[in-house]
Amino acid sequence: MRASDEPRSEAGQVLVMNNERFVVPEILFRPDDIGKFHSVIKVRSDLAQGLQQMGLASTVAYVISLLPEDLHEMFWANIGLIGGNTNLPGFRARLSVLLSRFPNKTVLIISRSGYKSYNL
């Protein structure tokens, strides 16, 4: 990767990224997009419908709903994001928008860890 103001090297290869930059992380929030095909290729009908699983926001809401009711407010107010995909730009904001659609009696608080993870 190079910054937009850096010159291209003659020996380097160029891979142009379009909507892939947004589509791949969006799978975390909408796994039903996996397997949806919009082409003339014939595919199995189960693949054409997409993956039938909950996204991240629905999973968080579901897990909190399984807890005793007197703990719901505490968990809605203490959602923590740590490492990995949570470092993607806009991840916290996107999750916050989706979680705000679920009914709860308290203020939704999503905090992000300051810990940086590195691939070794």
PDB file of N, CA and C in Angstrom:
ATOM      1  N   MET A   1       0.846  -1.180   0.000  1.00  0.00           N
ATOM      2  CA  MET A   1       0.000   0.000   0.000  1.00  0.00           C
ATOM      3  C   MET A   1       0.883   1.232   0.000  1.00  0.00           C
ATOM      4  N   ARG A   2       0.360   2.265  -0.599  1.00  0.00           N
ATOM      5  CA  ARG A   2       1.077   3.531  -0.621  1.00  0.00           C
ATOM      6  C   ARG A   2       0.075   4.648  -0.375  1.00  0.00           C
ATOM      7  N   ALA A   3       0.565   5.748   0.124  1.00  0.00           N
ATOM      8  CA  ALA A   3      -0.297   6.908   0.321  1.00  0.00           C
ATOM      9  C   ALA A   3      -0.638   7.501  -1.038  1.00  0.00           C
ATOM     10  N   SER A   4      -1.729   8.211  -1.130  1.00  0.00           N
ATOM     11  CA  SER A   4      -2.168   8.757  -2.414  1.00  0.00           C
ATOM     12  C   SER A   4      -1.184   9.766  -2.988  1.00  0.00           C
ATOM     13  N   ASP A   5      -0.380  10.401  -2.130  1.00  0.00           N
ATOM     14  CA  ASP A   5       0.581  11.383  -2.625  1.00  0.00           C
ATOM     15  C   ASP A   5       1.945  10.779  -2.974  1.00  0.00           C
ATOM     16  N   GLU A   6       2.144   9.489  -2.706  1.00  0.00           N
ATOM     17  CA  GLU A   6       3.400   8.824  -3.051  1.00  0.00           C
ATOM     18  C   GLU A   6       3.401   8.447  -4.531  1.00  0.00           C
ATOM     19  N   PRO A   7       4.556   8.614  -5.200  1.00  0.00           N
ATOM     20  CA  PRO A   7       4.623   8.218  -6.605  1.00  0.00           C
ATOM     21  C   PRO A   7       4.622   6.693  -6.752  1.00  0.00           C
ATOM     22  N   ARG A   8       4.106   6.213  -7.871  1.00  0.00           N
ATOM     23  CA  ARG A   8       4.104   4.774  -8.148  1.00  0.00           C
ATOM     24  C   ARG A   8       5.494   4.349  -8.602  1.00  0.00           C
ATOM     25  N   SER A   9       5.913   3.183  -8.139  1.00  0.00           N
ATOM     26  CA  SER A   9       7.181   2.652  -8.618  1.00  0.00           C
ATOM     27  C   SER A   9       6.931   1.909  -9.923  1.00  0.00           C
ATOM     28  N   GLU A  10       7.936   1.882 -10.763  1.00  0.00           N
ATOM     29  CA  GLU A  10       7.812   1.209 -12.061  1.00  0.00           C
ATOM     30  C   GLU A  10       7.634  -0.299 -11.892  1.00  0.00           C
ATOM     31  N   ALA A  11       8.229  -0.874 -10.852  1.00  0.00           N
ATOM     32  CA  ALA A  11       8.186  -2.316 -10.652  1.00  0.00           C
ATOM     33  C   ALA A  11       6.919  -2.754  -9.909  1.00  0.00           C
ATOM     34  N   GLY A  12       6.196  -1.831  -9.332  1.00  0.00           N
ATOM     35  CA  GLY A  12       5.035  -2.178  -8.516  1.00  0.00           C
ATOM     36  C   GLY A  12       3.826  -2.566  -9.338  1.00  0.00           C
ATOM     37  N   GLN A  13       2.955  -3.295  -8.718  1.00  0.00           N
ATOM     38  CA  GLN A  13       1.697  -3.681  -9.345  1.00  0.00           C
ATOM     39  C   GLN A  13       0.590  -2.817  -8.777  1.00  0.00           C
ATOM     40  N   VAL A  14      -0.446  -2.618  -9.546  1.00  0.00           N
ATOM     41  CA  VAL A  14      -1.564  -1.796  -9.110  1.00  0.00           C
ATOM     42  C   VAL A  14      -2.815  -2.660  -9.038  1.00  0.00           C
ATOM     43  N   LEU A  15      -3.453  -2.658  -7.910  1.00  0.00           N
ATOM     44  CA  LEU A  15      -4.733  -3.337  -7.727  1.00  0.00           C
ATOM     45  C   LEU A  15      -5.745  -2.265  -7.363  1.00  0.00           C
ATOM     46  N   VAL A  16      -6.675  -2.019  -8.235  1.00  0.00           N
ATOM     47  CA  VAL A  16      -7.670  -0.987  -8.006  1.00  0.00           C
ATOM     48  C   VAL A  16      -8.800  -1.580  -7.166  1.00  0.00           C
ATOM     49  N   MET A  17      -9.086  -0.953  -6.042  1.00  0.00           N
ATOM     50  CA  MET A  17     -10.157  -1.404  -5.159  1.00  0.00           C
ATOM     51  C   MET A  17     -11.341  -0.455  -5.322  1.00  0.00           C
ATOM     52  N   ASN A  18     -12.483  -0.998  -5.549  1.00  0.00           N
ATOM     53  CA  ASN A  18     -13.698  -0.194  -5.669  1.00  0.00           C
ATOM     54  C   ASN A  18     -14.577  -0.447  -4.458  1.00  0.00           C
ATOM     55  N   ASN A  19     -15.749  -1.007  -4.662  1.00  0.00           N
ATOM     56  CA  ASN A  19     -16.675  -1.231  -3.556  1.00  0.00           C
ATOM     57  C   ASN A  19     -16.237  -2.360  -2.625  1.00  0.00           C
ATOM     58  N   GLU A  20     -15.180  -3.113  -2.979  1.00  0.00           N
ATOM     59  CA  GLU A  20     -14.691  -4.186  -2.110  1.00  0.00           C
ATOM     60  C   GLU A  20     -14.275  -3.646  -0.748  1.00  0.00           C
ATOM     61  N   ARG A  21     -13.799  -2.408  -0.717  1.00  0.00           N
ATOM     62  CA  ARG A  21     -13.366  -1.807   0.543  1.00  0.00           C
ATOM     63  C   ARG A  21     -14.517  -1.710   1.534  1.00  0.00           C
ATOM     64  N   PHE A  22     -15.724  -1.618   1.040  1.00  0.00           N
ATOM     65  CA  PHE A  22     -16.887  -1.470   1.903  1.00  0.00           C
ATOM     66  C   PHE A  22     -17.665  -2.771   2.038  1.00  0.00           C
ATOM     67  N   VAL A  23     -17.680  -3.569   0.999  1.00  0.00           N
ATOM     68  CA  VAL A  23     -18.477  -4.791   0.979  1.00  0.00           C
ATOM     69  C   VAL A  23     -17.930  -5.822   1.959  1.00  0.00           C
ATOM     70  N   VAL A  24     -16.630  -6.010   1.994  1.00  0.00           N
ATOM     71  CA  VAL A  24     -16.049  -7.047   2.856  1.00  0.00           C
ATOM     72  C   VAL A  24     -16.323  -6.781   4.329  1.00  0.00           C
ATOM     73  N   PRO A  25     -16.048  -5.586   4.876  1.00  0.00           N
ATOM     74  CA  PRO A  25     -16.389  -5.368   6.290  1.00  0.00           C
ATOM     75  C   PRO A  25     -17.891  -5.401   6.571  1.00  0.00           C
ATOM     76  N   GLU A  26     -18.700  -5.052   5.593  1.00  0.00           N
ATOM     77  CA  GLU A  26     -20.148  -5.046   5.783  1.00  0.00           C
ATOM     78  C   GLU A  26     -20.699  -6.440   6.044  1.00  0.00           C
ATOM     79  N   ILE A  27     -19.977  -7.473   5.639  1.00  0.00           N
ATOM     80  CA  ILE A  27     -20.399  -8.855   5.881  1.00  0.00           C
ATOM     81  C   ILE A  27     -20.560  -9.121   7.375  1.00  0.00           C
ATOM     82  N   LEU A  28     -19.784  -8.444   8.215  1.00  0.00           N
ATOM     83  CA  LEU A  28     -19.913  -8.615   9.665  1.00  0.00           C
ATOM     84  C   LEU A  28     -21.290  -8.185  10.159  1.00  0.00           C
ATOM     85  N   PHE A  29     -21.843  -7.186   9.511  1.00  0.00           N
ATOM     86  CA  PHE A  29     -23.143  -6.668   9.927  1.00  0.00           C
ATOM     87  C   PHE A  29     -24.298  -7.302   9.159  1.00  0.00           C
ATOM     88  N   ARG A  30     -24.016  -7.794   7.940  1.00  0.00           N
ATOM     89  CA  ARG A  30     -25.050  -8.400   7.098  1.00  0.00           C
ATOM     90  C   ARG A  30     -24.543  -9.692   6.475  1.00  0.00           C
ATOM     91  N   PRO A  31     -24.407 -10.757   7.251  1.00  0.00           N
ATOM     92  CA  PRO A  31     -23.909 -12.012   6.680  1.00  0.00           C
ATOM     93  C   PRO A  31     -24.836 -12.607   5.636  1.00  0.00           C
ATOM     94  N   ASP A  32     -26.083 -12.146   5.587  1.00  0.00           N
ATOM     95  CA  ASP A  32     -26.996 -12.653   4.564  1.00  0.00           C
ATOM     96  C   ASP A  32     -26.576 -12.220   3.161  1.00  0.00           C
ATOM     97  N   ASP A  33     -25.636 -11.276   3.054  1.00  0.00           N
ATOM     98  CA  ASP A  33     -25.114 -10.879   1.741  1.00  0.00           C
ATOM     99  C   ASP A  33     -24.167 -11.926   1.154  1.00  0.00           C
ATOM    100  N   ILE A  34     -23.645 -12.816   1.990  1.00  0.00           N
ATOM    101  CA  ILE A  34     -22.736 -13.848   1.496  1.00  0.00           C
ATOM    102  C   ILE A  34     -23.519 -14.806   0.607  1.00  0.00           C
ATOM    103  N   GLY A  35     -23.005 -15.042  -0.561  1.00  0.00           N
ATOM    104  CA  GLY A  35     -23.622 -16.010  -1.449  1.00  0.00           C
ATOM    105  C   GLY A  35     -24.673 -15.453  -2.373  1.00  0.00           C
ATOM    106  N   LYS A  36     -25.015 -14.185  -2.225  1.00  0.00           N
ATOM    107  CA  LYS A  36     -25.993 -13.614  -3.144  1.00  0.00           C
ATOM    108  C   LYS A  36     -25.306 -13.339  -4.468  1.00  0.00           C
ATOM    109  N   PHE A  37     -25.862 -13.893  -5.507  1.00  0.00           N
ATOM    110  CA  PHE A  37     -25.269 -13.738  -6.827  1.00  0.00           C
ATOM    111  C   PHE A  37     -26.198 -12.918  -7.708  1.00  0.00           C
ATOM    112  N   HIS A  38     -25.624 -12.002  -8.434  1.00  0.00           N
ATOM    113  CA  HIS A  38     -26.396 -11.181  -9.366  1.00  0.00           C
ATOM    114  C   HIS A  38     -25.809 -11.357 -10.761  1.00  0.00           C
ATOM    115  N   SER A  39     -25.721 -12.580 -11.188  1.00  0.00           N
ATOM    116  CA  SER A  39     -25.147 -12.841 -12.501  1.00  0.00           C
ATOM    117  C   SER A  39     -25.982 -13.897 -13.217  1.00  0.00           C
ATOM    118  N   VAL A  40     -25.573 -14.216 -14.409  1.00  0.00           N
ATOM    119  CA  VAL A  40     -26.303 -15.207 -15.195  1.00  0.00           C
ATOM    120  C   VAL A  40     -25.878 -16.630 -14.871  1.00  0.00           C
ATOM    121  N   ILE A  41     -24.873 -16.778 -14.009  1.00  0.00           N
ATOM    122  CA  ILE A  41     -24.397 -18.112 -13.650  1.00  0.00           C
ATOM    123  C   ILE A  41     -25.448 -18.792 -12.783  1.00  0.00           C
ATOM    124  N   LYS A  42     -25.782 -20.035 -13.112  1.00  0.00           N
ATOM    125  CA  LYS A  42     -26.747 -20.783 -12.301  1.00  0.00           C
ATOM    126  C   LYS A  42     -26.037 -21.309 -11.066  1.00  0.00           C
ATOM    127  N   VAL A  43     -26.639 -21.068  -9.913  1.00  0.00           N
ATOM    128  CA  VAL A  43     -26.076 -21.528  -8.650  1.00  0.00           C
ATOM    129  C   VAL A  43     -27.142 -22.289  -7.883  1.00  0.00           C
ATOM    130  N   ARG A  44     -26.685 -22.990  -6.858  1.00  0.00           N
ATOM    131  CA  ARG A  44     -27.643 -23.690  -6.003  1.00  0.00           C
ATOM    132  C   ARG A  44     -28.586 -22.672  -5.384  1.00  0.00           C
ATOM    133  N   SER A  45     -29.826 -23.045  -5.199  1.00  0.00           N
ATOM    134  CA  SER A  45     -30.816 -22.102  -4.685  1.00  0.00           C
ATOM    135  C   SER A  45     -30.489 -21.633  -3.269  1.00  0.00           C
ATOM    136  N   ASP A  46     -29.854 -22.481  -2.434  1.00  0.00           N
ATOM    137  CA  ASP A  46     -29.523 -22.055  -1.081  1.00  0.00           C
ATOM    138  C   ASP A  46     -28.429 -20.995  -1.086  1.00  0.00           C
ATOM    139  N   LEU A  47     -27.521 -21.039  -2.055  1.00  0.00           N
ATOM    140  CA  LEU A  47     -26.490 -20.009  -2.159  1.00  0.00           C
ATOM    141  C   LEU A  47     -27.063 -18.706  -2.690  1.00  0.00           C
ATOM    142  N   ALA A  48     -27.994 -18.805  -3.596  1.00  0.00           N
ATOM    143  CA  ALA A  48     -28.583 -17.611  -4.198  1.00  0.00           C
ATOM    144  C   ALA A  48     -29.344 -16.788  -3.167  1.00  0.00           C
ATOM    145  N   GLN A  49     -29.836 -17.434  -2.117  1.00  0.00           N
ATOM    146  CA  GLN A  49     -30.596 -16.722  -1.091  1.00  0.00           C
ATOM    147  C   GLN A  49     -29.703 -16.045  -0.065  1.00  0.00           C
ATOM    148  N   GLY A  50     -28.458 -16.407   0.036  1.00  0.00           N
ATOM    149  CA  GLY A  50     -27.564 -15.807   1.010  1.00  0.00           C
ATOM    150  C   GLY A  50     -27.462 -16.644   2.279  1.00  0.00           C
ATOM    151  N   LEU A  51     -26.501 -16.318   3.097  1.00  0.00           N
ATOM    152  CA  LEU A  51     -26.257 -17.024   4.350  1.00  0.00           C
ATOM    153  C   LEU A  51     -27.284 -16.577   5.385  1.00  0.00           C
ATOM    154  N   GLN A  52     -27.972 -17.525   5.986  1.00  0.00           N
ATOM    155  CA  GLN A  52     -29.034 -17.203   6.938  1.00  0.00           C
ATOM    156  C   GLN A  52     -28.486 -17.178   8.364  1.00  0.00           C
ATOM    157  N   GLN A  53     -27.818 -16.094   8.721  1.00  0.00           N
ATOM    158  CA  GLN A  53     -27.284 -15.920  10.071  1.00  0.00           C
ATOM    159  C   GLN A  53     -27.480 -14.482  10.509  1.00  0.00           C
ATOM    160  N   MET A  54     -27.467 -14.281  11.835  1.00  0.00           N
ATOM    161  CA  MET A  54     -27.587 -12.935  12.371  1.00  0.00           C
ATOM    162  C   MET A  54     -26.285 -12.173  12.169  1.00  0.00           C
ATOM    163  N   GLY A  55     -26.408 -10.873  11.991  1.00  0.00           N
ATOM    164  CA  GLY A  55     -25.247 -10.006  11.928  1.00  0.00           C
ATOM    165  C   GLY A  55     -24.760  -9.688  13.335  1.00  0.00           C
ATOM    166  N   LEU A  56     -23.709  -8.909  13.422  1.00  0.00           N
ATOM    167  CA  LEU A  56     -23.095  -8.587  14.708  1.00  0.00           C
ATOM    168  C   LEU A  56     -24.063  -7.869  15.650  1.00  0.00           C
ATOM    169  N   ALA A  57     -24.773  -6.865  15.159  1.00  0.00           N
ATOM    170  CA  ALA A  57     -25.694  -6.117  16.018  1.00  0.00           C
ATOM    171  C   ALA A  57     -26.816  -7.015  16.546  1.00  0.00           C
ATOM    172  N   SER A  58     -27.371  -7.840  15.679  1.00  0.00           N
ATOM    173  CA  SER A  58     -28.436  -8.757  16.110  1.00  0.00           C
ATOM    174  C   SER A  58     -27.914  -9.767  17.120  1.00  0.00           C
ATOM    175  N   THR A  59     -26.695 -10.211  16.944  1.00  0.00           N
ATOM    176  CA  THR A  59     -26.097 -11.171  17.874  1.00  0.00           C
ATOM    177  C   THR A  59     -25.897 -10.542  19.247  1.00  0.00           C
ATOM    178  N   VAL A  60     -25.405  -9.307  19.275  1.00  0.00           N
ATOM    179  CA  VAL A  60     -25.221  -8.605  20.555  1.00  0.00           C
ATOM    180  C   VAL A  60     -26.561  -8.452  21.266  1.00  0.00           C
ATOM    181  N   ALA A  61     -27.576  -7.998  20.544  1.00  0.00           N
ATOM    182  CA  ALA A  61     -28.903  -7.820  21.138  1.00  0.00           C
ATOM    183  C   ALA A  61     -29.474  -9.141  21.629  1.00  0.00           C
ATOM    184  N   TYR A  62     -29.285 -10.199  20.871  1.00  0.00           N
ATOM    185  CA  TYR A  62     -29.795 -11.512  21.261  1.00  0.00           C
ATOM    186  C   TYR A  62     -29.110 -12.020  22.528  1.00  0.00           C
ATOM    187  N   VAL A  63     -27.797 -11.878  22.592  1.00  0.00           N
ATOM    188  CA  VAL A  63     -27.055 -12.351  23.770  1.00  0.00           C
ATOM    189  C   VAL A  63     -27.490 -11.577  25.015  1.00  0.00           C
ATOM    190  N   ILE A  64     -27.647 -10.263  24.885  1.00  0.00           N
ATOM    191  CA  ILE A  64     -28.103  -9.472  26.038  1.00  0.00           C
ATOM    192  C   ILE A  64     -29.503  -9.901  26.454  1.00  0.00           C
ATOM    193  N   SER A  65     -30.360 -10.245  25.503  1.00  0.00           N
ATOM    194  CA  SER A  65     -31.725 -10.674  25.838  1.00  0.00           C
ATOM    195  C   SER A  65     -31.747 -11.991  26.606  1.00  0.00           C
ATOM    196  N   LEU A  66     -30.697 -12.803  26.478  1.00  0.00           N
ATOM    197  CA  LEU A  66     -30.628 -14.080  27.190  1.00  0.00           C
ATOM    198  C   LEU A  66     -30.249 -13.914  28.666  1.00  0.00           C
ATOM    199  N   LEU A  67     -29.711 -12.755  29.019  1.00  0.00           N
ATOM    200  CA  LEU A  67     -29.302 -12.497  30.402  1.00  0.00           C
ATOM    201  C   LEU A  67     -30.521 -12.202  31.266  1.00  0.00           C
ATOM    202  N   PRO A  68     -30.377 -12.323  32.580  1.00  0.00           N
ATOM    203  CA  PRO A  68     -31.482 -11.918  33.450  1.00  0.00           C
ATOM    204  C   PRO A  68     -31.849 -10.456  33.182  1.00  0.00           C
ATOM    205  N   GLU A  69     -33.135 -10.160  33.225  1.00  0.00           N
ATOM    206  CA  GLU A  69     -33.628  -8.843  32.829  1.00  0.00           C
ATOM    207  C   GLU A  69     -33.010  -7.691  33.630  1.00  0.00           C
ATOM    208  N   ASP A  70     -32.695  -7.928  34.894  1.00  0.00           N
ATOM    209  CA  ASP A  70     -32.118  -6.847  35.699  1.00  0.00           C
ATOM    210  C   ASP A  70     -30.680  -6.498  35.285  1.00  0.00           C
ATOM    211  N   LEU A  71     -30.063  -7.304  34.434  1.00  0.00           N
ATOM    212  CA  LEU A  71     -28.707  -7.021  33.943  1.00  0.00           C
ATOM    213  C   LEU A  71     -28.688  -6.356  32.562  1.00  0.00           C
ATOM    214  N   HIS A  72     -29.821  -6.299  31.890  1.00  0.00           N
ATOM    215  CA  HIS A  72     -29.869  -5.765  30.527  1.00  0.00           C
ATOM    216  C   HIS A  72     -29.291  -4.357  30.439  1.00  0.00           C
ATOM    217  N   GLU A  73     -29.737  -3.447  31.307  1.00  0.00           N
ATOM    218  CA  GLU A  73     -29.274  -2.059  31.247  1.00  0.00           C
ATOM    219  C   GLU A  73     -27.760  -1.972  31.387  1.00  0.00           C
ATOM    220  N   MET A  74     -27.207  -2.741  32.308  1.00  0.00           N
ATOM    221  CA  MET A  74     -25.763  -2.699  32.537  1.00  0.00           C
ATOM    222  C   MET A  74     -24.999  -3.150  31.289  1.00  0.00           C
ATOM    223  N   PHE A  75     -25.483  -4.173  30.616  1.00  0.00           N
ATOM    224  CA  PHE A  75     -24.781  -4.666  29.440  1.00  0.00           C
ATOM    225  C   PHE A  75     -24.959  -3.750  28.229  1.00  0.00           C
ATOM    226  N   TRP A  76     -26.138  -3.122  28.075  1.00  0.00           N
ATOM    227  CA  TRP A  76     -26.322  -2.156  26.978  1.00  0.00           C
ATOM    228  C   TRP A  76     -25.406  -0.945  27.175  1.00  0.00           C
ATOM    229  N   ALA A  77     -25.101  -0.630  28.436  1.00  0.00           N
ATOM    230  CA  ALA A  77     -24.261   0.533  28.728  1.00  0.00           C
ATOM    231  C   ALA A  77     -22.776   0.195  28.767  1.00  0.00           C
ATOM    232  N   ASN A  78     -22.407  -1.051  28.519  1.00  0.00           N
ATOM    233  CA  ASN A  78     -21.004  -1.456  28.615  1.00  0.00           C
ATOM    234  C   ASN A  78     -20.619  -2.417  27.496  1.00  0.00           C
ATOM    235  N   ILE A  79     -20.755  -1.971  26.260  1.00  0.00           N
ATOM    236  CA  ILE A  79     -20.345  -2.778  25.117  1.00  0.00           C
ATOM    237  C   ILE A  79     -18.930  -2.365  24.763  1.00  0.00           C
ATOM    238  N   GLY A  80     -18.017  -3.321  24.744  1.00  0.00           N
ATOM    239  CA  GLY A  80     -16.617  -3.017  24.469  1.00  0.00           C
ATOM    240  C   GLY A  80     -16.148  -3.624  23.155  1.00  0.00           C
ATOM    241  N   LEU A  81     -15.385  -2.862  22.409  1.00  0.00           N
ATOM    242  CA  LEU A  81     -14.804  -3.320  21.146  1.00  0.00           C
ATOM    243  C   LEU A  81     -13.305  -3.459  21.336  1.00  0.00           C
ATOM    244  N   ILE A  82     -12.782  -4.635  21.026  1.00  0.00           N
ATOM    245  CA  ILE A  82     -11.365  -4.895  21.260  1.00  0.00           C
ATOM    246  C   ILE A  82     -10.729  -5.520  20.031  1.00  0.00           C
ATOM    247  N   GLY A  83      -9.700  -4.876  19.489  1.00  0.00           N
ATOM    248  CA  GLY A  83      -8.833  -5.415  18.447  1.00  0.00           C
ATOM    249  C   GLY A  83      -9.501  -5.842  17.156  1.00  0.00           C
ATOM    250  N   GLY A  84      -8.707  -6.466  16.305  1.00  0.00           N
ATOM    251  CA  GLY A  84      -9.166  -7.064  15.057  1.00  0.00           C
ATOM    252  C   GLY A  84      -9.976  -6.149  14.175  1.00  0.00           C
ATOM    253  N   ASN A  85     -11.150  -6.609  13.782  1.00  0.00           N
ATOM    254  CA  ASN A  85     -11.998  -5.860  12.860  1.00  0.00           C
ATOM    255  C   ASN A  85     -12.540  -4.570  13.454  1.00  0.00           C
ATOM    256  N   THR A  86     -12.508  -4.430  14.769  1.00  0.00           N
ATOM    257  CA  THR A  86     -13.009  -3.198  15.383  1.00  0.00           C
ATOM    258  C   THR A  86     -12.124  -2.010  15.050  1.00  0.00           C
ATOM    259  N   ASN A  87     -10.939  -2.261  14.503  1.00  0.00           N
ATOM    260  CA  ASN A  87     -10.047  -1.178  14.089  1.00  0.00           C
ATOM    261  C   ASN A  87     -10.411  -0.607  12.723  1.00  0.00           C
ATOM    262  N   LEU A  88     -11.356  -1.211  12.024  1.00  0.00           N
ATOM    263  CA  LEU A  88     -11.781  -0.687  10.727  1.00  0.00           C
ATOM    264  C   LEU A  88     -12.422   0.686  10.910  1.00  0.00           C
ATOM    265  N   PRO A  89     -12.105   1.632  10.030  1.00  0.00           N
ATOM    266  CA  PRO A  89     -12.715   2.959  10.144  1.00  0.00           C
ATOM    267  C   PRO A  89     -14.239   2.874  10.075  1.00  0.00           C
ATOM    268  N   GLY A  90     -14.913   3.552  10.985  1.00  0.00           N
ATOM    269  CA  GLY A  90     -16.370   3.594  10.986  1.00  0.00           C
ATOM    270  C   GLY A  90     -17.044   2.403  11.638  1.00  0.00           C
ATOM    271  N   PHE A  91     -16.275   1.435  12.145  1.00  0.00           N
ATOM    272  CA  PHE A  91     -16.857   0.225  12.723  1.00  0.00           C
ATOM    273  C   PHE A  91     -17.747   0.571  13.918  1.00  0.00           C
ATOM    274  N   ARG A  92     -17.223   1.367  14.836  1.00  0.00           N
ATOM    275  CA  ARG A  92     -17.968   1.713  16.051  1.00  0.00           C
ATOM    276  C   ARG A  92     -19.247   2.475  15.699  1.00  0.00           C
ATOM    277  N   ALA A  93     -19.147   3.422  14.786  1.00  0.00           N
ATOM    278  CA  ALA A  93     -20.317   4.212  14.396  1.00  0.00           C
ATOM    279  C   ALA A  93     -21.381   3.334  13.739  1.00  0.00           C
ATOM    280  N   ARG A  94     -20.958   2.429  12.879  1.00  0.00           N
ATOM    281  CA  ARG A  94     -21.912   1.537  12.188  1.00  0.00           C
ATOM    282  C   ARG A  94     -22.617   0.634  13.189  1.00  0.00           C
ATOM    283  N   LEU A  95     -21.864   0.057  14.110  1.00  0.00           N
ATOM    284  CA  LEU A  95     -22.455  -0.806  15.129  1.00  0.00           C
ATOM    285  C   LEU A  95     -23.411  -0.013  16.009  1.00  0.00           C
ATOM    286  N   SER A  96     -23.040   1.203  16.348  1.00  0.00           N
ATOM    287  CA  SER A  96     -23.882   2.047  17.186  1.00  0.00           C
ATOM    288  C   SER A  96     -25.224   2.334  16.521  1.00  0.00           C
ATOM    289  N   VAL A  97     -25.204   2.645  15.235  1.00  0.00           N
ATOM    290  CA  VAL A  97     -26.447   2.916  14.496  1.00  0.00           C
ATOM    291  C   VAL A  97     -27.340   1.683  14.493  1.00  0.00           C
ATOM    292  N   LEU A  98     -26.756   0.525  14.224  1.00  0.00           N
ATOM    293  CA  LEU A  98     -27.558  -0.699  14.164  1.00  0.00           C
ATOM    294  C   LEU A  98     -28.107  -1.088  15.536  1.00  0.00           C
ATOM    295  N   LEU A  99     -27.294  -0.943  16.586  1.00  0.00           N
ATOM    296  CA  LEU A  99     -27.757  -1.311  17.923  1.00  0.00           C
ATOM    297  C   LEU A  99     -28.804  -0.339  18.457  1.00  0.00           C
ATOM    298  N   SER A 100     -28.774   0.914  18.002  1.00  0.00           N
ATOM    299  CA  SER A 100     -29.754   1.890  18.478  1.00  0.00           C
ATOM    300  C   SER A 100     -31.165   1.554  18.000  1.00  0.00           C
ATOM    301  N   ARG A 101     -31.283   0.668  17.032  1.00  0.00           N
ATOM    302  CA  ARG A 101     -32.597   0.245  16.535  1.00  0.00           C
ATOM    303  C   ARG A 101     -33.274  -0.762  17.453  1.00  0.00           C
ATOM    304  N   PHE A 102     -32.514  -1.341  18.377  1.00  0.00           N
ATOM    305  CA  PHE A 102     -33.084  -2.314  19.307  1.00  0.00           C
ATOM    306  C   PHE A 102     -33.602  -1.581  20.538  1.00  0.00           C
ATOM    307  N   PRO A 103     -34.771  -1.976  21.029  1.00  0.00           N
ATOM    308  CA  PRO A 103     -35.314  -1.281  22.197  1.00  0.00           C
ATOM    309  C   PRO A 103     -34.530  -1.618  23.463  1.00  0.00           C
ATOM    310  N   ASN A 104     -34.143  -0.590  24.176  1.00  0.00           N
ATOM    311  CA  ASN A 104     -33.531  -0.768  25.484  1.00  0.00           C
ATOM    312  C   ASN A 104     -33.853   0.453  26.331  1.00  0.00           C
ATOM    313  N   LYS A 105     -33.747   0.302  27.641  1.00  0.00           N
ATOM    314  CA  LYS A 105     -34.160   1.364  28.558  1.00  0.00           C
ATOM    315  C   LYS A 105     -33.011   2.269  28.983  1.00  0.00           C
ATOM    316  N   THR A 106     -31.844   2.047  28.486  1.00  0.00           N
ATOM    317  CA  THR A 106     -30.685   2.822  28.919  1.00  0.00           C
ATOM    318  C   THR A 106     -29.941   3.405  27.724  1.00  0.00           C
ATOM    319  N   VAL A 107     -29.010   4.255  28.010  1.00  0.00           N
ATOM    320  CA  VAL A 107     -28.185   4.848  26.961  1.00  0.00           C
ATOM    321  C   VAL A 107     -27.183   3.804  26.478  1.00  0.00           C
ATOM    322  N   LEU A 108     -27.078   3.674  25.177  1.00  0.00           N
ATOM    323  CA  LEU A 108     -26.149   2.739  24.572  1.00  0.00           C
ATOM    324  C   LEU A 108     -24.745   3.334  24.628  1.00  0.00           C
ATOM    325  N   ILE A 109     -23.810   2.607  25.230  1.00  0.00           N
ATOM    326  CA  ILE A 109     -22.427   3.071  25.316  1.00  0.00           C
ATOM    327  C   ILE A 109     -21.531   1.998  24.722  1.00  0.00           C
ATOM    328  N   ILE A 110     -20.818   2.378  23.661  1.00  0.00           N
ATOM    329  CA  ILE A 110     -19.874   1.464  23.016  1.00  0.00           C
ATOM    330  C   ILE A 110     -18.495   2.079  23.152  1.00  0.00           C
ATOM    331  N   SER A 111     -17.629   1.408  23.873  1.00  0.00           N
ATOM    332  CA  SER A 111     -16.276   1.923  24.041  1.00  0.00           C
ATOM    333  C   SER A 111     -15.298   1.050  23.277  1.00  0.00           C
ATOM    334  N   ARG A 112     -14.197   1.665  22.873  1.00  0.00           N
ATOM    335  CA  ARG A 112     -13.191   0.974  22.080  1.00  0.00           C
ATOM    336  C   ARG A 112     -11.892   0.929  22.866  1.00  0.00           C
ATOM    337  N   SER A 113     -11.269  -0.213  22.869  1.00  0.00           N
ATOM    338  CA  SER A 113     -10.000  -0.376  23.573  1.00  0.00           C
ATOM    339  C   SER A 113      -8.910   0.410  22.863  1.00  0.00           C
ATOM    340  N   GLY A 114      -7.964   0.908  23.633  1.00  0.00           N
ATOM    341  CA  GLY A 114      -6.827   1.600  23.059  1.00  0.00           C
ATOM    342  C   GLY A 114      -5.740   0.647  22.615  1.00  0.00           C
ATOM    343  N   TYR A 115      -5.935  -0.643  22.863  1.00  0.00           N
ATOM    344  CA  TYR A 115      -4.948  -1.657  22.522  1.00  0.00           C
ATOM    345  C   TYR A 115      -4.860  -1.822  21.011  1.00  0.00           C
ATOM    346  N   LYS A 116      -3.681  -1.778  20.486  1.00  0.00           N
ATOM    347  CA  LYS A 116      -3.462  -1.999  19.047  1.00  0.00           C
ATOM    348  C   LYS A 116      -2.908  -3.389  18.858  1.00  0.00           C
ATOM    349  N   SER A 117      -3.485  -4.131  17.942  1.00  0.00           N
ATOM    350  CA  SER A 117      -2.965  -5.463  17.647  1.00  0.00           C
ATOM    351  C   SER A 117      -2.181  -5.419  16.336  1.00  0.00           C
ATOM    352  N   TYR A 118      -1.153  -6.215  16.240  1.00  0.00           N
ATOM    353  CA  TYR A 118      -0.311  -6.253  15.062  1.00  0.00           C
ATOM    354  C   TYR A 118      -0.170  -7.680  14.589  1.00  0.00           C
ATOM    355  N   ASN A 119      -0.150  -7.854  13.277  1.00  0.00           N
ATOM    356  CA  ASN A 119       0.103  -9.170  12.713  1.00  0.00           C
ATOM    357  C   ASN A 119       1.597  -9.426  12.722  1.00  0.00           C
ATOM    358  N   LEU A 120       2.005 -10.545  13.277  1.00  0.00           N
ATOM    359  CA  LEU A 120       3.444 -10.869  13.333  1.00  0.00           C
ATOM    360  C   LEU A 120       3.766 -11.989  12.381  1.00  0.00           C
TER     361      LEU A 120
END
